[in-house]
C-alpha cells in the first residue's frame, strides 16, 4: 500500500478551426493551470518577453499554429498531443495524462485532457 495520493485534473475546451486566432485562444487553455508557462518568468525561454509575448504559453501556441494548417481531426489531435506533452512530460509533477479529441461540427472540436498529479 502506497503512502501517496494522486489527484486528478481535467481540462476541457472547444476549438474552432475557422480562424487562427480562435485556434490559438483554444490551445492556450492547455497551459492555464501550469504557472511555469504563464507566470513564472524564470521558466520562460530567454527571449519570450522581449519578443512581445505575454508568457511562454502564448509563444508556444503562436509558434505551433503559425507553422501549420490545423483544419482536420488528425491535425487538431496532433496539435493537442504535441502542446500538452510540453506540460505533462514533467514526471516530477505529473504521473500521466490522456487526451481525447472529438469532432462535433465541421470546424468545431471538443478537447478533453485528463491528468494525474
PDB file of N, CA and C in Angstrom:
ATOM      1  N   UNK A   1       0.836  -1.176   0.000  1.00  0.00           N
ATOM      2  CA  UNK A   1       0.000   0.000   0.000  1.00  0.00           C
ATOM      3  C   UNK A   1       0.881   1.240   0.000  1.00  0.00           C
ATOM      4  N   UNK A   2       0.617   2.160  -0.914  1.00  0.00           N
ATOM      5  CA  UNK A   2       1.446   3.348  -1.068  1.00  0.00           C
ATOM      6  C   UNK A   2       1.109   4.435  -0.063  1.00  0.00           C
ATOM      7  N   UNK A   3       2.067   5.297   0.150  1.00  0.00           N
ATOM      8  CA  UNK A   3       1.880   6.440   1.039  1.00  0.00           C
ATOM      9  C   UNK A   3       1.660   7.722   0.243  1.00  0.00           C
ATOM     10  N   UNK A   4       1.017   7.625  -0.859  1.00  0.00           N
ATOM     11  CA  UNK A   4       0.775   8.812  -1.666  1.00  0.00           C
ATOM     12  C   UNK A   4      -0.683   8.859  -2.096  1.00  0.00           C
ATOM     13  N   UNK A   5      -1.101  10.029  -2.510  1.00  0.00           N
ATOM     14  CA  UNK A   5      -2.461  10.146  -3.015  1.00  0.00           C
ATOM     15  C   UNK A   5      -2.418  10.981  -4.283  1.00  0.00           C
ATOM     16  N   UNK A   6      -2.737  10.377  -5.401  1.00  0.00           N
ATOM     17  CA  UNK A   6      -2.788  11.103  -6.665  1.00  0.00           C
ATOM     18  C   UNK A   6      -4.042  11.942  -6.724  1.00  0.00           C
ATOM     19  N   UNK A   7      -3.893  13.111  -7.285  1.00  0.00           N
ATOM     20  CA  UNK A   7      -5.055  13.947  -7.548  1.00  0.00           C
ATOM     21  C   UNK A   7      -5.292  13.931  -9.051  1.00  0.00           C
ATOM     22  N   UNK A   8      -6.532  14.064  -9.427  1.00  0.00           N
ATOM     23  CA  UNK A   8      -6.891  14.044 -10.838  1.00  0.00           C
ATOM     24  C   UNK A   8      -7.305  15.445 -11.272  1.00  0.00           C
ATOM     25  N   UNK A   9      -7.053  15.742 -12.527  1.00  0.00           N
ATOM     26  CA  UNK A   9      -7.462  17.020 -13.089  1.00  0.00           C
ATOM     27  C   UNK A   9      -8.033  16.822 -14.480  1.00  0.00           C
ATOM     28  N   UNK A  10      -8.797  17.786 -14.927  1.00  0.00           N
ATOM     29  CA  UNK A  10      -9.395  17.728 -16.254  1.00  0.00           C
ATOM     30  C   UNK A  10      -9.398  19.113 -16.874  1.00  0.00           C
ATOM     31  N   UNK A  11      -8.942  19.178 -18.105  1.00  0.00           N
ATOM     32  CA  UNK A  11      -9.024  20.393 -18.898  1.00  0.00           C
ATOM     33  C   UNK A  11      -9.999  20.078 -20.025  1.00  0.00           C
ATOM     34  N   UNK A  12     -11.003  20.908 -20.208  1.00  0.00           N
ATOM     35  CA  UNK A  12     -11.947  20.689 -21.295  1.00  0.00           C
ATOM     36  C   UNK A  12     -12.235  22.022 -21.979  1.00  0.00           C
ATOM     37  N   UNK A  13     -12.192  22.005 -23.305  1.00  0.00           N
ATOM     38  CA  UNK A  13     -12.499  23.217 -24.071  1.00  0.00           C
ATOM     39  C   UNK A  13     -12.925  22.837 -25.485  1.00  0.00           C
ATOM     40  N   UNK A  14     -13.516  23.786 -26.176  1.00  0.00           N
ATOM     41  CA  UNK A  14     -13.846  23.578 -27.575  1.00  0.00           C
ATOM     42  C   UNK A  14     -12.890  24.400 -28.431  1.00  0.00           C
ATOM     43  N   UNK A  15     -12.660  23.925 -29.633  1.00  0.00           N
ATOM     44  CA  UNK A  15     -11.736  24.577 -30.547  1.00  0.00           C
ATOM     45  C   UNK A  15     -12.407  24.698 -31.904  1.00  0.00           C
ATOM     46  N   UNK A  16     -12.441  25.909 -32.425  1.00  0.00           N
ATOM     47  CA  UNK A  16     -12.937  26.160 -33.771  1.00  0.00           C
ATOM     48  C   UNK A  16     -11.735  26.360 -34.684  1.00  0.00           C
ATOM     49  N   UNK A  17     -11.718  25.678 -35.818  1.00  0.00           N
ATOM     50  CA  UNK A  17     -10.601  25.809 -36.754  1.00  0.00           C
ATOM     51  C   UNK A  17     -10.868  26.847 -37.838  1.00  0.00           C
ATOM     52  N   UNK A  18     -11.880  27.661 -37.632  1.00  0.00           N
ATOM     53  CA  UNK A  18     -12.258  28.645 -38.650  1.00  0.00           C
ATOM     54  C   UNK A  18     -11.180  29.717 -38.827  1.00  0.00           C
ATOM     55  N   UNK A  19     -10.636  30.219 -37.723  1.00  0.00           N
ATOM     56  CA  UNK A  19      -9.628  31.279 -37.772  1.00  0.00           C
ATOM     57  C   UNK A  19      -8.446  30.904 -36.874  1.00  0.00           C
ATOM     58  N   UNK A  20      -7.236  31.298 -37.291  1.00  0.00           N
ATOM     59  CA  UNK A  20      -6.049  31.018 -36.475  1.00  0.00           C
ATOM     60  C   UNK A  20      -6.166  31.620 -35.080  1.00  0.00           C
ATOM     61  N   UNK A  21      -6.787  32.792 -34.970  1.00  0.00           N
ATOM     62  CA  UNK A  21      -6.926  33.422 -33.650  1.00  0.00           C
ATOM     63  C   UNK A  21      -7.788  32.556 -32.728  1.00  0.00           C
ATOM     64  N   UNK A  22      -8.818  31.908 -33.275  1.00  0.00           N
ATOM     65  CA  UNK A  22      -9.662  31.002 -32.475  1.00  0.00           C
ATOM     66  C   UNK A  22      -8.880  29.768 -32.035  1.00  0.00           C
ATOM     67  N   UNK A  23      -8.060  29.251 -32.936  1.00  0.00           N
ATOM     68  CA  UNK A  23      -7.244  28.075 -32.619  1.00  0.00           C
ATOM     69  C   UNK A  23      -6.276  28.418 -31.489  1.00  0.00           C
ATOM     70  N   UNK A  24      -5.612  29.555 -31.593  1.00  0.00           N
ATOM     71  CA  UNK A  24      -4.640  29.974 -30.575  1.00  0.00           C
ATOM     72  C   UNK A  24      -5.304  30.155 -29.213  1.00  0.00           C
ATOM     73  N   UNK A  25      -6.466  30.822 -29.203  1.00  0.00           N
ATOM     74  CA  UNK A  25      -7.184  31.021 -27.930  1.00  0.00           C
ATOM     75  C   UNK A  25      -7.534  29.694 -27.284  1.00  0.00           C
ATOM     76  N   UNK A  26      -7.992  28.762 -28.076  1.00  0.00           N
ATOM     77  CA  UNK A  26      -8.399  27.462 -27.538  1.00  0.00           C
ATOM     78  C   UNK A  26      -7.193  26.680 -27.030  1.00  0.00           C
ATOM     79  N   UNK A  27      -6.134  26.589 -27.827  1.00  0.00           N
ATOM     80  CA  UNK A  27      -4.968  25.800 -27.417  1.00  0.00           C
ATOM     81  C   UNK A  27      -4.271  26.392 -26.200  1.00  0.00           C
ATOM     82  N   UNK A  28      -4.407  27.677 -25.977  1.00  0.00           N
ATOM     83  CA  UNK A  28      -3.830  28.325 -24.798  1.00  0.00           C
ATOM     84  C   UNK A  28      -4.381  27.700 -23.511  1.00  0.00           C
ATOM     85  N   UNK A  29      -5.599  27.152 -23.572  1.00  0.00           N
ATOM     86  CA  UNK A  29      -6.217  26.514 -22.405  1.00  0.00           C
ATOM     87  C   UNK A  29      -5.382  25.375 -21.836  1.00  0.00           C
ATOM     88  N   UNK A  30      -4.576  24.750 -22.661  1.00  0.00           N
ATOM     89  CA  UNK A  30      -3.732  23.640 -22.199  1.00  0.00           C
ATOM     90  C   UNK A  30      -2.803  24.103 -21.084  1.00  0.00           C
ATOM     91  N   UNK A  31      -2.367  25.344 -21.141  1.00  0.00           N
ATOM     92  CA  UNK A  31      -1.343  25.854 -20.222  1.00  0.00           C
ATOM     93  C   UNK A  31      -1.884  26.636 -19.030  1.00  0.00           C
ATOM     94  N   UNK A  32      -3.169  26.896 -18.985  1.00  0.00           N
ATOM     95  CA  UNK A  32      -3.711  27.806 -17.967  1.00  0.00           C
ATOM     96  C   UNK A  32      -3.468  27.384 -16.521  1.00  0.00           C
ATOM     97  N   UNK A  33      -3.392  26.119 -16.233  1.00  0.00           N
ATOM     98  CA  UNK A  33      -3.238  25.680 -14.847  1.00  0.00           C
ATOM     99  C   UNK A  33      -1.779  25.520 -14.428  1.00  0.00           C
ATOM    100  N   UNK A  34      -0.831  25.690 -15.354  1.00  0.00           N
ATOM    101  CA  UNK A  34       0.587  25.496 -15.037  1.00  0.00           C
ATOM    102  C   UNK A  34       1.313  26.839 -15.058  1.00  0.00           C
ATOM    103  N   UNK A  35       1.606  27.352 -13.888  1.00  0.00           N
ATOM    104  CA  UNK A  35       2.215  28.680 -13.748  1.00  0.00           C
ATOM    105  C   UNK A  35       3.608  28.775 -14.366  1.00  0.00           C
ATOM    106  N   UNK A  36       4.269  27.648 -14.600  1.00  0.00           N
ATOM    107  CA  UNK A  36       5.587  27.695 -15.226  1.00  0.00           C
ATOM    108  C   UNK A  36       5.502  28.209 -16.665  1.00  0.00           C
ATOM    109  N   UNK A  37       4.342  28.116 -17.273  1.00  0.00           N
ATOM    110  CA  UNK A  37       4.152  28.602 -18.636  1.00  0.00           C
ATOM    111  C   UNK A  37       3.450  29.953 -18.695  1.00  0.00           C
ATOM    112  N   UNK A  38       2.819  30.356 -17.606  1.00  0.00           N
ATOM    113  CA  UNK A  38       2.019  31.581 -17.639  1.00  0.00           C
ATOM    114  C   UNK A  38       2.511  32.686 -16.701  1.00  0.00           C
ATOM    115  N   UNK A  39       3.172  32.334 -15.598  1.00  0.00           N
ATOM    116  CA  UNK A  39       3.553  33.353 -14.613  1.00  0.00           C
ATOM    117  C   UNK A  39       5.023  33.323 -14.208  1.00  0.00           C
ATOM    118  N   UNK A  40       5.620  32.160 -14.104  1.00  0.00           N
ATOM    119  CA  UNK A  40       6.984  32.028 -13.584  1.00  0.00           C
ATOM    120  C   UNK A  40       8.009  32.326 -14.674  1.00  0.00           C
ATOM    121  N   UNK A  41       8.404  33.577 -14.765  1.00  0.00           N
ATOM    122  CA  UNK A  41       9.287  34.031 -15.839  1.00  0.00           C
ATOM    123  C   UNK A  41      10.618  33.288 -15.878  1.00  0.00           C
ATOM    124  N   UNK A  42      11.065  32.757 -14.757  1.00  0.00           N
ATOM    125  CA  UNK A  42      12.346  32.044 -14.748  1.00  0.00           C
ATOM    126  C   UNK A  42      12.304  30.760 -15.584  1.00  0.00           C
ATOM    127  N   UNK A  43      11.105  30.285 -15.920  1.00  0.00           N
ATOM    128  CA  UNK A  43      10.966  29.086 -16.750  1.00  0.00           C
ATOM    129  C   UNK A  43      10.708  29.413 -18.222  1.00  0.00           C
ATOM    130  N   UNK A  44      10.543  30.692 -18.552  1.00  0.00           N
ATOM    131  CA  UNK A  44      10.326  31.086 -19.933  1.00  0.00           C
ATOM    132  C   UNK A  44      11.646  30.997 -20.697  1.00  0.00           C
ATOM    133  N   UNK A  45      11.581  30.793 -22.001  1.00  0.00           N
ATOM    134  CA  UNK A  45      12.789  30.877 -22.818  1.00  0.00           C
ATOM    135  C   UNK A  45      13.285  32.314 -22.799  1.00  0.00           C
ATOM    136  N   UNK A  46      14.553  32.486 -23.007  1.00  0.00           N
ATOM    137  CA  UNK A  46      15.229  33.772 -22.810  1.00  0.00           C
ATOM    138  C   UNK A  46      14.543  34.956 -23.498  1.00  0.00           C
ATOM    139  N   UNK A  47      14.151  34.843 -24.742  1.00  0.00           N
ATOM    140  CA  UNK A  47      13.645  35.992 -25.496  1.00  0.00           C
ATOM    141  C   UNK A  47      12.121  36.120 -25.489  1.00  0.00           C
ATOM    142  N   UNK A  48      11.428  35.296 -24.774  1.00  0.00           N
ATOM    143  CA  UNK A  48       9.961  35.280 -24.837  1.00  0.00           C
ATOM    144  C   UNK A  48       9.347  36.650 -24.593  1.00  0.00           C
ATOM    145  N   UNK A  49       9.675  37.294 -23.520  1.00  0.00           N
ATOM    146  CA  UNK A  49       9.087  38.599 -23.196  1.00  0.00           C
ATOM    147  C   UNK A  49       9.606  39.678 -24.139  1.00  0.00           C
ATOM    148  N   UNK A  50      10.856  39.613 -24.493  1.00  0.00           N
ATOM    149  CA  UNK A  50      11.457  40.601 -25.394  1.00  0.00           C
ATOM    150  C   UNK A  50      10.813  40.545 -26.787  1.00  0.00           C
ATOM    151  N   UNK A  51      10.354  39.368 -27.191  1.00  0.00           N
ATOM    152  CA  UNK A  51       9.683  39.221 -28.487  1.00  0.00           C
ATOM    153  C   UNK A  51       8.241  39.713 -28.470  1.00  0.00           C
ATOM    154  N   UNK A  52       7.755  40.111 -27.295  1.00  0.00           N
ATOM    155  CA  UNK A  52       6.421  40.677 -27.189  1.00  0.00           C
ATOM    156  C   UNK A  52       5.342  39.720 -26.717  1.00  0.00           C
ATOM    157  N   UNK A  53       5.710  38.508 -26.379  1.00  0.00           N
ATOM    158  CA  UNK A  53       4.731  37.558 -25.847  1.00  0.00           C
ATOM    159  C   UNK A  53       4.490  37.873 -24.376  1.00  0.00           C
ATOM    160  N   UNK A  54       3.264  37.651 -23.917  1.00  0.00           N
ATOM    161  CA  UNK A  54       2.982  37.918 -22.504  1.00  0.00           C
ATOM    162  C   UNK A  54       3.498  36.797 -21.606  1.00  0.00           C
ATOM    163  N   UNK A  55       3.706  35.605 -22.175  1.00  0.00           N
ATOM    164  CA  UNK A  55       4.251  34.478 -21.404  1.00  0.00           C
ATOM    165  C   UNK A  55       4.678  33.357 -22.349  1.00  0.00           C
ATOM    166  N   UNK A  56       5.244  32.320 -21.793  1.00  0.00           N
ATOM    167  CA  UNK A  56       5.752  31.198 -22.587  1.00  0.00           C
ATOM    168  C   UNK A  56       4.622  30.423 -23.262  1.00  0.00           C
ATOM    169  N   UNK A  57       3.486  30.313 -22.620  1.00  0.00           N
ATOM    170  CA  UNK A  57       2.348  29.590 -23.207  1.00  0.00           C
ATOM    171  C   UNK A  57       1.917  30.254 -24.509  1.00  0.00           C
ATOM    172  N   UNK A  58       1.805  31.572 -24.492  1.00  0.00           N
ATOM    173  CA  UNK A  58       1.412  32.293 -25.700  1.00  0.00           C
ATOM    174  C   UNK A  58       2.424  32.062 -26.824  1.00  0.00           C
ATOM    175  N   UNK A  59       3.694  32.055 -26.487  1.00  0.00           N
ATOM    176  CA  UNK A  59       4.732  31.842 -27.502  1.00  0.00           C
ATOM    177  C   UNK A  59       4.662  30.427 -28.072  1.00  0.00           C
ATOM    178  N   UNK A  60       4.514  29.427 -27.226  1.00  0.00           N
ATOM    179  CA  UNK A  60       4.441  28.042 -27.698  1.00  0.00           C
ATOM    180  C   UNK A  60       3.273  27.835 -28.650  1.00  0.00           C
ATOM    181  N   UNK A  61       2.116  28.353 -28.282  1.00  0.00           N
ATOM    182  CA  UNK A  61       0.926  28.206 -29.111  1.00  0.00           C
ATOM    183  C   UNK A  61       1.107  28.959 -30.428  1.00  0.00           C
ATOM    184  N   UNK A  62       1.580  30.186 -30.353  1.00  0.00           N
ATOM    185  CA  UNK A  62       1.778  31.002 -31.548  1.00  0.00           C
ATOM    186  C   UNK A  62       2.749  30.332 -32.515  1.00  0.00           C
ATOM    187  N   UNK A  63       3.875  29.861 -32.023  1.00  0.00           N
ATOM    188  CA  UNK A  63       4.862  29.204 -32.875  1.00  0.00           C
ATOM    189  C   UNK A  63       4.293  27.942 -33.522  1.00  0.00           C
ATOM    190  N   UNK A  64       3.529  27.177 -32.781  1.00  0.00           N
ATOM    191  CA  UNK A  64       2.966  25.945 -33.330  1.00  0.00           C
ATOM    192  C   UNK A  64       1.925  26.259 -34.410  1.00  0.00           C
ATOM    193  N   UNK A  65       1.003  27.139 -34.118  1.00  0.00           N
ATOM    194  CA  UNK A  65      -0.101  27.425 -35.038  1.00  0.00           C
ATOM    195  C   UNK A  65       0.394  28.137 -36.296  1.00  0.00           C
ATOM    196  N   UNK A  66       1.348  29.048 -36.163  1.00  0.00           N
ATOM    197  CA  UNK A  66       1.826  29.798 -37.321  1.00  0.00           C
ATOM    198  C   UNK A  66       2.588  28.933 -38.322  1.00  0.00           C
ATOM    199  N   UNK A  67       3.082  27.793 -37.910  1.00  0.00           N
ATOM    200  CA  UNK A  67       3.846  26.910 -38.801  1.00  0.00           C
ATOM    201  C   UNK A  67       2.997  25.818 -39.441  1.00  0.00           C
ATOM    202  N   UNK A  68       1.718  25.711 -39.047  1.00  0.00           N
ATOM    203  CA  UNK A  68       0.894  24.601 -39.511  1.00  0.00           C
ATOM    204  C   UNK A  68      -0.519  25.036 -39.857  1.00  0.00           C
ATOM    205  N   UNK A  69      -1.123  24.292 -40.760  1.00  0.00           N
ATOM    206  CA  UNK A  69      -2.543  24.471 -41.053  1.00  0.00           C
ATOM    207  C   UNK A  69      -3.290  23.426 -40.230  1.00  0.00           C
ATOM    208  N   UNK A  70      -4.083  23.875 -39.296  1.00  0.00           N
ATOM    209  CA  UNK A  70      -4.817  22.974 -38.404  1.00  0.00           C
ATOM    210  C   UNK A  70      -6.283  23.022 -38.829  1.00  0.00           C
ATOM    211  N   UNK A  71      -6.701  21.982 -39.553  1.00  0.00           N
ATOM    212  CA  UNK A  71      -8.032  22.022 -40.147  1.00  0.00           C
ATOM    213  C   UNK A  71      -8.750  20.669 -40.193  1.00  0.00           C
ATOM    214  N   UNK A  72      -8.222  19.672 -39.512  1.00  0.00           N
ATOM    215  CA  UNK A  72      -8.851  18.349 -39.532  1.00  0.00           C
ATOM    216  C   UNK A  72      -8.704  17.693 -38.162  1.00  0.00           C
ATOM    217  N   UNK A  73      -9.439  16.620 -37.954  1.00  0.00           N
ATOM    218  CA  UNK A  73      -9.379  15.899 -36.679  1.00  0.00           C
ATOM    219  C   UNK A  73      -7.958  15.434 -36.381  1.00  0.00           C
ATOM    220  N   UNK A  74      -7.280  14.875 -37.360  1.00  0.00           N
ATOM    221  CA  UNK A  74      -5.924  14.377 -37.116  1.00  0.00           C
ATOM    222  C   UNK A  74      -4.960  15.516 -36.780  1.00  0.00           C
ATOM    223  N   UNK A  75      -5.120  16.668 -37.426  1.00  0.00           N
ATOM    224  CA  UNK A  75      -4.219  17.797 -37.153  1.00  0.00           C
ATOM    225  C   UNK A  75      -4.517  18.447 -35.802  1.00  0.00           C
ATOM    226  N   UNK A  76      -5.782  18.502 -35.424  1.00  0.00           N
ATOM    227  CA  UNK A  76      -6.126  19.029 -34.099  1.00  0.00           C
ATOM    228  C   UNK A  76      -5.592  18.081 -33.027  1.00  0.00           C
ATOM    229  N   UNK A  77      -5.781  16.791 -33.229  1.00  0.00           N
ATOM    230  CA  UNK A  77      -5.287  15.792 -32.274  1.00  0.00           C
ATOM    231  C   UNK A  77      -3.776  15.900 -32.129  1.00  0.00           C
ATOM    232  N   UNK A  78      -3.071  16.027 -33.231  1.00  0.00           N
ATOM    233  CA  UNK A  78      -1.612  16.152 -33.197  1.00  0.00           C
ATOM    234  C   UNK A  78      -1.197  17.414 -32.452  1.00  0.00           C
ATOM    235  N   UNK A  79      -1.882  18.527 -32.693  1.00  0.00           N
ATOM    236  CA  UNK A  79      -1.556  19.787 -32.016  1.00  0.00           C
ATOM    237  C   UNK A  79      -1.748  19.665 -30.512  1.00  0.00           C
ATOM    238  N   UNK A  80      -2.874  19.098 -30.099  1.00  0.00           N
ATOM    239  CA  UNK A  80      -3.152  18.934 -28.664  1.00  0.00           C
ATOM    240  C   UNK A  80      -2.119  17.994 -28.039  1.00  0.00           C
ATOM    241  N   UNK A  81      -1.793  16.921 -28.744  1.00  0.00           N
ATOM    242  CA  UNK A  81      -0.817  15.961 -28.230  1.00  0.00           C
ATOM    243  C   UNK A  81       0.560  16.615 -28.059  1.00  0.00           C
ATOM    244  N   UNK A  82       1.016  17.320 -29.082  1.00  0.00           N
ATOM    245  CA  UNK A  82       2.344  17.960 -29.023  1.00  0.00           C
ATOM    246  C   UNK A  82       2.408  19.046 -27.945  1.00  0.00           C
ATOM    247  N   UNK A  83       1.396  19.905 -27.894  1.00  0.00           N
ATOM    248  CA  UNK A  83       1.432  21.008 -26.930  1.00  0.00           C
ATOM    249  C   UNK A  83       1.215  20.528 -25.500  1.00  0.00           C
ATOM    250  N   UNK A  84       0.358  19.550 -25.297  1.00  0.00           N
ATOM    251  CA  UNK A  84       0.138  19.055 -23.934  1.00  0.00           C
ATOM    252  C   UNK A  84       1.346  18.264 -23.432  1.00  0.00           C
ATOM    253  N   UNK A  85       2.099  17.670 -24.336  1.00  0.00           N
ATOM    254  CA  UNK A  85       3.309  16.944 -23.914  1.00  0.00           C
ATOM    255  C   UNK A  85       4.312  17.884 -23.255  1.00  0.00           C
ATOM    256  N   UNK A  86       4.326  19.151 -23.660  1.00  0.00           N
ATOM    257  CA  UNK A  86       5.241  20.121 -23.040  1.00  0.00           C
ATOM    258  C   UNK A  86       4.913  20.312 -21.559  1.00  0.00           C
ATOM    259  N   UNK A  87       3.640  20.228 -21.218  1.00  0.00           N
ATOM    260  CA  UNK A  87       3.215  20.381 -19.828  1.00  0.00           C
ATOM    261  C   UNK A  87       3.367  19.069 -19.068  1.00  0.00           C
ATOM    262  N   UNK A  88       2.801  18.025 -19.601  1.00  0.00           N
ATOM    263  CA  UNK A  88       2.656  16.780 -18.850  1.00  0.00           C
ATOM    264  C   UNK A  88       3.858  15.846 -18.916  1.00  0.00           C
ATOM    265  N   UNK A  89       4.915  16.243 -19.626  1.00  0.00           N
ATOM    266  CA  UNK A  89       6.131  15.429 -19.638  1.00  0.00           C
ATOM    267  C   UNK A  89       6.964  15.626 -18.375  1.00  0.00           C
ATOM    268  N   UNK A  90       6.572  16.563 -17.526  1.00  0.00           N
ATOM    269  CA  UNK A  90       7.272  16.802 -16.264  1.00  0.00           C
ATOM    270  C   UNK A  90       6.906  15.691 -15.280  1.00  0.00           C
ATOM    271  N   UNK A  91       7.696  14.629 -15.282  1.00  0.00           N
ATOM    272  CA  UNK A  91       7.379  13.466 -14.450  1.00  0.00           C
ATOM    273  C   UNK A  91       7.585  13.735 -12.959  1.00  0.00           C
ATOM    274  N   UNK A  92       8.208  14.855 -12.610  1.00  0.00           N
ATOM    275  CA  UNK A  92       8.336  15.215 -11.195  1.00  0.00           C
ATOM    276  C   UNK A  92       7.019  15.724 -10.622  1.00  0.00           C
ATOM    277  N   UNK A  93       6.102  16.118 -11.504  1.00  0.00           N
ATOM    278  CA  UNK A  93       4.837  16.672 -11.042  1.00  0.00           C
ATOM    279  C   UNK A  93       3.632  15.868 -11.527  1.00  0.00           C
ATOM    280  N   UNK A  94       3.662  15.444 -12.786  1.00  0.00           N
ATOM    281  CA  UNK A  94       2.536  14.703 -13.361  1.00  0.00           C
ATOM    282  C   UNK A  94       2.900  13.236 -13.513  1.00  0.00           C
ATOM    283  N   UNK A  95       1.965  12.354 -13.178  1.00  0.00           N
ATOM    284  CA  UNK A  95       2.248  10.938 -13.342  1.00  0.00           C
ATOM    285  C   UNK A  95       1.804  10.425 -14.706  1.00  0.00           C
ATOM    286  N   UNK A  96       0.729  10.961 -15.260  1.00  0.00           N
ATOM    287  CA  UNK A  96       0.302  10.585 -16.597  1.00  0.00           C
ATOM    288  C   UNK A  96      -0.811  11.505 -17.064  1.00  0.00           C
ATOM    289  N   UNK A  97      -1.072  11.447 -18.374  1.00  0.00           N
ATOM    290  CA  UNK A  97      -2.178  12.220 -18.942  1.00  0.00           C
ATOM    291  C   UNK A  97      -2.745  11.483 -20.150  1.00  0.00           C
ATOM    292  N   UNK A  98      -3.967  11.816 -20.477  1.00  0.00           N
ATOM    293  CA  UNK A  98      -4.646  11.211 -21.617  1.00  0.00           C
ATOM    294  C   UNK A  98      -5.450  12.301 -22.316  1.00  0.00           C
ATOM    295  N   UNK A  99      -5.388  12.342 -23.643  1.00  0.00           N
ATOM    296  CA  UNK A  99      -6.164  13.336 -24.376  1.00  0.00           C
ATOM    297  C   UNK A  99      -7.292  12.669 -25.151  1.00  0.00           C
ATOM    298  N   UNK A 100      -8.349  13.420 -25.365  1.00  0.00           N
ATOM    299  CA  UNK A 100      -9.469  12.971 -26.186  1.00  0.00           C
ATOM    300  C   UNK A 100      -9.910  14.143 -27.045  1.00  0.00           C
ATOM    301  N   UNK A 101      -9.960  13.923 -28.348  1.00  0.00           N
ATOM    302  CA  UNK A 101     -10.399  14.962 -29.277  1.00  0.00           C
ATOM    303  C   UNK A 101     -11.536  14.388 -30.104  1.00  0.00           C
ATOM    304  N   UNK A 102     -12.665  15.067 -30.082  1.00  0.00           N
ATOM    305  CA  UNK A 102     -13.840  14.628 -30.830  1.00  0.00           C
ATOM    306  C   UNK A 102     -14.304  15.758 -31.730  1.00  0.00           C
ATOM    307  N   UNK A 103     -14.601  15.443 -32.972  1.00  0.00           N
ATOM    308  CA  UNK A 103     -15.145  16.446 -33.879  1.00  0.00           C
ATOM    309  C   UNK A 103     -16.646  16.533 -33.646  1.00  0.00           C
ATOM    310  N   UNK A 104     -17.136  17.744 -33.364  1.00  0.00           N
ATOM    311  CA  UNK A 104     -18.560  17.910 -33.065  1.00  0.00           C
ATOM    312  C   UNK A 104     -19.267  18.789 -34.089  1.00  0.00           C
ATOM    313  N   UNK A 105     -18.550  19.234 -35.099  1.00  0.00           N
ATOM    314  CA  UNK A 105     -19.104  20.040 -36.176  1.00  0.00           C
ATOM    315  C   UNK A 105     -18.082  20.153 -37.277  1.00  0.00           C
ATOM    316  N   UNK A 106     -18.434  20.835 -38.367  1.00  0.00           N
ATOM    317  CA  UNK A 106     -17.497  20.961 -39.489  1.00  0.00           C
ATOM    318  C   UNK A 106     -16.142  21.524 -39.062  1.00  0.00           C
ATOM    319  N   UNK A 107     -16.156  22.579 -38.279  1.00  0.00           N
ATOM    320  CA  UNK A 107     -14.922  23.242 -37.839  1.00  0.00           C
ATOM    321  C   UNK A 107     -14.817  23.291 -36.327  1.00  0.00           C
ATOM    322  N   UNK A 108     -15.514  22.415 -35.630  1.00  0.00           N
ATOM    323  CA  UNK A 108     -15.588  22.500 -34.171  1.00  0.00           C
ATOM    324  C   UNK A 108     -15.200  21.169 -33.527  1.00  0.00           C
ATOM    325  N   UNK A 109     -14.345  21.258 -32.507  1.00  0.00           N
ATOM    326  CA  UNK A 109     -13.812  20.077 -31.834  1.00  0.00           C
ATOM    327  C   UNK A 109     -13.956  20.234 -30.326  1.00  0.00           C
ATOM    328  N   UNK A 110     -14.244  19.132 -29.665  1.00  0.00           N
ATOM    329  CA  UNK A 110     -14.282  19.091 -28.208  1.00  0.00           C
ATOM    330  C   UNK A 110     -12.998  18.403 -27.749  1.00  0.00           C
ATOM    331  N   UNK A 111     -12.295  19.037 -26.832  1.00  0.00           N
ATOM    332  CA  UNK A 111     -10.995  18.525 -26.382  1.00  0.00           C
ATOM    333  C   UNK A 111     -11.026  18.352 -24.875  1.00  0.00           C
ATOM    334  N   UNK A 112     -10.612  17.163 -24.437  1.00  0.00           N
ATOM    335  CA  UNK A 112     -10.503  16.892 -23.011  1.00  0.00           C
ATOM    336  C   UNK A 112      -9.125  16.308 -22.736  1.00  0.00           C
ATOM    337  N   UNK A 113      -8.510  16.789 -21.666  1.00  0.00           N
ATOM    338  CA  UNK A 113      -7.211  16.276 -21.229  1.00  0.00           C
ATOM    339  C   UNK A 113      -7.359  15.907 -19.766  1.00  0.00           C
ATOM    340  N   UNK A 114      -7.280  14.625 -19.482  1.00  0.00           N
ATOM    341  CA  UNK A 114      -7.315  14.152 -18.116  1.00  0.00           C
ATOM    342  C   UNK A 114      -5.892  13.894 -17.646  1.00  0.00           C
ATOM    343  N   UNK A 115      -5.597  14.243 -16.403  1.00  0.00           N
ATOM    344  CA  UNK A 115      -4.233  14.054 -15.912  1.00  0.00           C
ATOM    345  C   UNK A 115      -4.225  13.753 -14.415  1.00  0.00           C
ATOM    346  N   UNK A 116      -3.158  13.110 -13.999  1.00  0.00           N
ATOM    347  CA  UNK A 116      -2.942  12.812 -12.581  1.00  0.00           C
ATOM    348  C   UNK A 116      -1.671  13.516 -12.145  1.00  0.00           C
ATOM    349  N   UNK A 117      -1.722  14.050 -10.927  1.00  0.00           N
ATOM    350  CA  UNK A 117      -0.525  14.700 -10.361  1.00  0.00           C
ATOM    351  C   UNK A 117      -0.433  14.440  -8.904  1.00  0.00           C
TER     352      UNK A 117
END
